[in-house]
Amino acid sequence: MKVCFSVTVSGLVQGVYFRASSQQVAIDYGLSGYARNLADGNVELLICGEQTNVEKMLQWLQQGPPEAEVEDMRQEQVQWQEHSFFAIE
């Protein structure tokens, strides 16, 4: 089953390769969507793909890359959106 999740990650998540690392993990899992920095210091992601792989990505986001310090992660399932790749915005 294909699903999409909107995710906001907070903590030390900008300037630590969070978006680039997220993109690589998403590519590895065959997911599409995007990752972008927000003005408040958080990172927003849209993750779309097979539910099993989206769940794996959500689990990875709880820690992020080694340089990151994830303090909080909010996730919400949203309506399916078709994206052809995972972009860094």
N, C-alpha and C. Protein backbone atom coordinates (compact mmCIF):
# COMPACT_ATOMS: atom_id res chain seq x y z
N MET A 1 0.84 -1.18 0.00
CA MET A 1 0.00 0.00 0.00
C MET A 1 0.89 1.25 0.00
N LYS A 2 0.54 2.21 -0.82
CA LYS A 2 1.32 3.44 -0.90
C LYS A 2 0.75 4.48 0.06
N VAL A 3 1.66 5.15 0.77
CA VAL A 3 1.27 6.17 1.74
C VAL A 3 2.20 7.37 1.63
N CYS A 4 1.74 8.50 2.18
CA CYS A 4 2.56 9.71 2.30
C CYS A 4 2.47 10.21 3.74
N PHE A 5 3.60 10.67 4.24
CA PHE A 5 3.64 11.28 5.56
C PHE A 5 4.31 12.63 5.48
N SER A 6 3.72 13.59 6.18
CA SER A 6 4.33 14.89 6.39
C SER A 6 5.02 14.81 7.75
N VAL A 7 6.30 15.20 7.79
CA VAL A 7 7.10 15.06 9.00
C VAL A 7 7.82 16.37 9.28
N THR A 8 7.83 16.76 10.56
CA THR A 8 8.64 17.90 10.99
C THR A 8 9.60 17.42 12.06
N VAL A 9 10.88 17.63 11.83
CA VAL A 9 11.92 17.19 12.76
C VAL A 9 12.56 18.42 13.37
N SER A 10 12.69 18.42 14.70
CA SER A 10 13.31 19.56 15.38
C SER A 10 14.50 19.11 16.20
N GLY A 11 15.33 20.07 16.54
CA GLY A 11 16.57 19.82 17.26
C GLY A 11 17.71 20.42 16.46
N LEU A 12 18.88 19.83 16.57
CA LEU A 12 20.02 20.25 15.75
C LEU A 12 19.93 19.49 14.43
N VAL A 13 19.16 20.07 13.49
CA VAL A 13 18.88 19.36 12.24
C VAL A 13 19.20 20.19 11.00
N GLN A 14 19.69 21.40 11.18
CA GLN A 14 20.15 22.20 10.04
C GLN A 14 21.66 22.38 10.15
N GLY A 15 22.33 22.30 9.00
CA GLY A 15 23.78 22.44 8.98
C GLY A 15 24.51 21.17 9.37
N VAL A 16 23.80 20.04 9.39
CA VAL A 16 24.42 18.76 9.77
C VAL A 16 24.14 17.68 8.72
N TYR A 17 23.90 18.11 7.48
CA TYR A 17 23.65 17.20 6.36
C TYR A 17 22.37 16.38 6.53
N PHE A 18 21.40 16.93 7.28
CA PHE A 18 20.16 16.20 7.52
C PHE A 18 19.38 15.98 6.23
N ARG A 19 19.22 17.04 5.43
CA ARG A 19 18.46 16.90 4.19
C ARG A 19 19.16 15.97 3.20
N ALA A 20 20.46 16.13 3.04
CA ALA A 20 21.20 15.28 2.10
C ALA A 20 21.18 13.82 2.54
N SER A 21 21.34 13.59 3.83
CA SER A 21 21.30 12.22 4.36
C SER A 21 19.90 11.64 4.19
N SER A 22 18.88 12.47 4.43
CA SER A 22 17.50 12.01 4.25
C SER A 22 17.23 11.63 2.80
N GLN A 23 17.77 12.43 1.89
CA GLN A 23 17.60 12.14 0.47
C GLN A 23 18.22 10.79 0.12
N GLN A 24 19.41 10.52 0.64
CA GLN A 24 20.07 9.26 0.32
C GLN A 24 19.31 8.07 0.88
N VAL A 25 18.81 8.20 2.11
CA VAL A 25 18.02 7.12 2.72
C VAL A 25 16.73 6.91 1.92
N ALA A 26 16.08 8.00 1.53
CA ALA A 26 14.85 7.89 0.75
C ALA A 26 15.11 7.19 -0.59
N ILE A 27 16.21 7.54 -1.24
CA ILE A 27 16.57 6.88 -2.51
C ILE A 27 16.80 5.40 -2.26
N ASP A 28 17.51 5.07 -1.19
CA ASP A 28 17.79 3.67 -0.86
C ASP A 28 16.49 2.88 -0.67
N TYR A 29 15.47 3.53 -0.11
CA TYR A 29 14.19 2.87 0.16
C TYR A 29 13.19 3.04 -0.99
N GLY A 30 13.58 3.71 -2.07
CA GLY A 30 12.69 3.88 -3.21
C GLY A 30 11.55 4.85 -2.94
N LEU A 31 11.79 5.86 -2.12
CA LEU A 31 10.75 6.81 -1.73
C LEU A 31 10.86 8.11 -2.52
N SER A 32 9.78 8.86 -2.56
CA SER A 32 9.78 10.16 -3.20
C SER A 32 9.28 11.20 -2.22
N GLY A 33 9.40 12.47 -2.61
CA GLY A 33 8.96 13.57 -1.75
C GLY A 33 10.02 14.64 -1.71
N TYR A 34 10.21 15.23 -0.52
CA TYR A 34 11.19 16.30 -0.39
C TYR A 34 11.60 16.50 1.06
N ALA A 35 12.70 17.22 1.23
CA ALA A 35 13.15 17.68 2.54
C ALA A 35 13.54 19.15 2.38
N ARG A 36 13.08 19.99 3.31
CA ARG A 36 13.44 21.41 3.23
C ARG A 36 13.60 21.98 4.63
N ASN A 37 14.51 22.96 4.71
CA ASN A 37 14.72 23.68 5.96
C ASN A 37 13.58 24.67 6.16
N LEU A 38 13.17 24.84 7.42
CA LEU A 38 12.18 25.84 7.78
C LEU A 38 12.87 26.99 8.49
N ALA A 39 12.25 28.15 8.46
CA ALA A 39 12.83 29.35 9.07
C ALA A 39 13.03 29.19 10.58
N ASP A 40 12.25 28.32 11.22
CA ASP A 40 12.36 28.15 12.67
C ASP A 40 13.46 27.17 13.09
N GLY A 41 14.25 26.68 12.13
CA GLY A 41 15.35 25.76 12.45
C GLY A 41 14.99 24.30 12.31
N ASN A 42 13.74 23.99 12.03
CA ASN A 42 13.30 22.61 11.85
C ASN A 42 13.49 22.19 10.40
N VAL A 43 13.32 20.89 10.16
CA VAL A 43 13.32 20.36 8.80
C VAL A 43 11.96 19.72 8.55
N GLU A 44 11.37 20.06 7.40
CA GLU A 44 10.09 19.48 7.00
C GLU A 44 10.35 18.50 5.88
N LEU A 45 9.68 17.34 5.95
CA LEU A 45 9.83 16.33 4.92
C LEU A 45 8.47 15.84 4.48
N LEU A 46 8.38 15.47 3.23
CA LEU A 46 7.25 14.73 2.71
C LEU A 46 7.82 13.42 2.20
N ILE A 47 7.30 12.32 2.70
CA ILE A 47 7.82 11.01 2.36
C ILE A 47 6.68 10.18 1.79
N CYS A 48 6.85 9.72 0.55
CA CYS A 48 5.81 8.95 -0.13
C CYS A 48 6.40 7.66 -0.70
N GLY A 49 5.64 6.58 -0.57
CA GLY A 49 6.08 5.31 -1.12
C GLY A 49 5.38 4.15 -0.46
N GLU A 50 5.95 2.98 -0.65
CA GLU A 50 5.37 1.78 -0.04
C GLU A 50 5.42 1.90 1.49
N GLN A 51 4.34 1.53 2.14
CA GLN A 51 4.20 1.73 3.58
C GLN A 51 5.36 1.15 4.37
N THR A 52 5.80 -0.04 4.04
CA THR A 52 6.90 -0.68 4.78
C THR A 52 8.17 0.17 4.74
N ASN A 53 8.49 0.71 3.55
CA ASN A 53 9.69 1.52 3.41
C ASN A 53 9.52 2.89 4.04
N VAL A 54 8.32 3.45 3.97
CA VAL A 54 8.06 4.73 4.65
C VAL A 54 8.26 4.56 6.15
N GLU A 55 7.79 3.46 6.70
CA GLU A 55 7.97 3.20 8.13
C GLU A 55 9.44 3.09 8.50
N LYS A 56 10.24 2.46 7.64
CA LYS A 56 11.69 2.37 7.87
C LYS A 56 12.32 3.76 7.87
N MET A 57 11.89 4.60 6.94
CA MET A 57 12.42 5.97 6.85
C MET A 57 12.01 6.77 8.09
N LEU A 58 10.78 6.63 8.54
CA LEU A 58 10.32 7.33 9.75
C LEU A 58 11.16 6.92 10.95
N GLN A 59 11.50 5.65 11.03
CA GLN A 59 12.34 5.16 12.12
C GLN A 59 13.73 5.79 12.05
N TRP A 60 14.29 5.86 10.85
CA TRP A 60 15.62 6.47 10.67
C TRP A 60 15.59 7.94 11.07
N LEU A 61 14.52 8.65 10.73
CA LEU A 61 14.42 10.08 11.02
C LEU A 61 14.45 10.39 12.52
N GLN A 62 14.10 9.44 13.34
CA GLN A 62 14.10 9.67 14.79
C GLN A 62 15.51 9.92 15.31
N GLN A 63 16.54 9.46 14.59
CA GLN A 63 17.92 9.73 14.95
C GLN A 63 18.60 10.65 13.93
N GLY A 64 18.29 10.44 12.65
CA GLY A 64 18.92 11.20 11.59
C GLY A 64 20.38 10.82 11.42
N PRO A 65 21.13 11.64 10.71
CA PRO A 65 22.55 11.36 10.49
C PRO A 65 23.34 11.54 11.79
N PRO A 66 24.57 11.04 11.84
CA PRO A 66 25.36 11.08 13.08
C PRO A 66 25.54 12.49 13.67
N GLU A 67 25.62 13.51 12.82
CA GLU A 67 25.87 14.86 13.32
C GLU A 67 24.63 15.51 13.92
N ALA A 68 23.46 14.97 13.62
CA ALA A 68 22.19 15.58 14.07
C ALA A 68 21.88 15.21 15.52
N GLU A 69 21.08 16.05 16.13
CA GLU A 69 20.53 15.78 17.47
C GLU A 69 19.02 16.01 17.40
N VAL A 70 18.29 14.95 17.10
CA VAL A 70 16.84 15.05 16.96
C VAL A 70 16.20 15.12 18.35
N GLU A 71 15.46 16.20 18.58
CA GLU A 71 14.78 16.37 19.87
C GLU A 71 13.32 15.97 19.79
N ASP A 72 12.70 16.20 18.63
CA ASP A 72 11.28 15.89 18.48
C ASP A 72 10.98 15.62 17.02
N MET A 73 9.99 14.78 16.79
CA MET A 73 9.56 14.47 15.44
C MET A 73 8.05 14.34 15.43
N ARG A 74 7.40 15.16 14.63
CA ARG A 74 5.95 15.08 14.46
C ARG A 74 5.66 14.54 13.09
N GLN A 75 4.76 13.58 13.01
CA GLN A 75 4.42 12.97 11.73
C GLN A 75 2.91 12.86 11.60
N GLU A 76 2.46 13.01 10.36
CA GLU A 76 1.03 12.93 10.08
C GLU A 76 0.85 12.32 8.70
N GLN A 77 0.00 11.31 8.62
CA GLN A 77 -0.27 10.74 7.30
C GLN A 77 -1.13 11.73 6.52
N VAL A 78 -0.77 11.93 5.27
CA VAL A 78 -1.48 12.87 4.40
C VAL A 78 -1.91 12.15 3.13
N GLN A 79 -2.73 12.81 2.35
CA GLN A 79 -3.22 12.24 1.10
C GLN A 79 -2.06 11.94 0.17
N TRP A 80 -2.19 10.86 -0.59
CA TRP A 80 -1.15 10.44 -1.53
C TRP A 80 -0.84 11.56 -2.52
N GLN A 81 0.44 11.79 -2.73
CA GLN A 81 0.92 12.75 -3.72
C GLN A 81 1.96 12.06 -4.58
N GLU A 82 1.84 12.25 -5.86
CA GLU A 82 2.78 11.61 -6.78
C GLU A 82 4.00 12.51 -6.98
N HIS A 83 5.17 11.99 -6.66
CA HIS A 83 6.44 12.69 -6.89
C HIS A 83 7.34 11.71 -7.62
N SER A 84 8.15 12.21 -8.55
CA SER A 84 9.00 11.32 -9.33
C SER A 84 10.35 11.03 -8.68
N PHE A 85 10.72 11.82 -7.65
CA PHE A 85 11.98 11.60 -6.96
C PHE A 85 11.93 12.27 -5.60
N PHE A 86 13.01 12.17 -4.83
CA PHE A 86 13.09 12.82 -3.53
C PHE A 86 14.00 14.03 -3.66
N ALA A 87 13.43 15.20 -3.48
CA ALA A 87 14.15 16.46 -3.72
C ALA A 87 14.61 17.11 -2.42
N ILE A 88 15.68 17.88 -2.53
CA ILE A 88 16.09 18.77 -1.46
C ILE A 88 15.67 20.16 -1.88
N GLU A 89 14.84 20.79 -1.08
CA GLU A 89 14.35 22.13 -1.42
C GLU A 89 14.99 23.18 -0.57
